Amino acid sequence: MSDAKVREAICTIGASIFNRGLTAGSSGNISVRVAGGWLMTPTNASLGRLDPARLSKLDDTGRLVGGDAPTKESFLHRVMYEERAETGAVVHLHATHSVAVSCLAEIDPQDVLPPITAYYLMRVGRLPLIPYYRPGDLALAEAVRGFASKHHAVLLANHGPVVAGSNLDAAVNAVEELEETAKLYLLLRGAKTRFLTKEQVEELRG
């Protein structure tokens, strides 16, 4: 895909994410691997109003070579690319239900959400919780690095999900499945629930 088409795809998907309320204000960011580096959403940019010409272009060392300054959370993206060679795109959102779940004291930090649907297991799998760090703290990158080689999706405590995919569609589909599953989990809290059995989970993961 050409650089121009990647820029258009980022802007189109960003607008879709924003218009459906999956992130608000200037929160959330998207990146895609391109020849020689990455295209990334700029800092303080609303995903609903992206300009293809102003997307940040970074070389493979992370140096800005074109467009506006990149998102302040660019280090989260770089960690995923560095630890997962197959990664073609990364999406980070402050999605309401995912953030809500990340704040709960009851969740298992090794695997945040229970096996509610097969689609969640296939697109997300195990979801570890990364401890809270203040926004912009580079220590968060190293905390994510400790999980990124084994997990293409992580949930930042009191913050939101970071999801890597082989391409932009895969990353977006996974983060949306994560958000829907977080919503289901909150809806089902307190109700006697039939989750997938251990055997069903093992079959899907196999």
Foldseek 3Di string as FASTA:
>chain_A
DDLLVVLVVQLVVLLVCVVVQQADQQFKKKWFADPQFIWIAAARDRSNDDDSQQTFTAGNVRHTDHHHHHHLVVLLVNLLVVLPVLFGMKIWHQGPLLLVQLADPPADQFAGAFQADLVLCQLFNGEHEQEDDPPNPCVSSVSVNVCNNPGQKYAYRNGTIMGTDSGDVSRVVNRVSVSVRSVVVVVCPPPDDDHDDPVRSVVSVD
